[in-house]
């Protein structure tokens, strides 16, 4: 596999993290480089870690995870997206006090939900002749950069239309979860 092909895979894997980062940025009152670095490390780190796990677990655990990964992704994204929509309809005073959280309790489920597909990619990497360490570094850096950029993109839109944007962001997360579920159930190609 060429470096170019690996980069294309990394970009594809980073799209969920990009979408979630944009949604996270939608409700931010103030942007900082520190938050962009935090989200980049969370998403980039997990996107690098999961293919590594998949690579080493190859045939042993993949059949168990791939059998339920769509339900896990759907559940986490629907819960997070539904919460974003609910918060958008709360009193404006409460929303003014509310800030998007970047602690482990909020970031861990997001990072895991965005990285489950990367586990399956790691399993496929086990059957290819490639350097797993270079592969996970490329995937991690690509996802980290896309995630940090997504936070800035979301913030730019959120500052103008925060409430509608927060609703849209929540709906997008729910729709991503539904799409993943329908793809794995065979309703979408």
Foldseek 3Di string as FASTA:
>chain_A
DDPVVLLVVLLVLLPLLLLLLLLLLLLAPDDDVVLLQLSLCLQLVLLLVLLVLLLVCQPPCPVVCLVCLLVLLLVLLLVVLVVLLVLLPDDPVVSVVDHRDSDCVRSVSSNCSSRSVSSVVSSVVNVDPDDSVVSSNSSSNSSSVSSSVSSVNSNVNNVVPRSVSSNVSSVVSNVVSVVSNCVSVPNPD
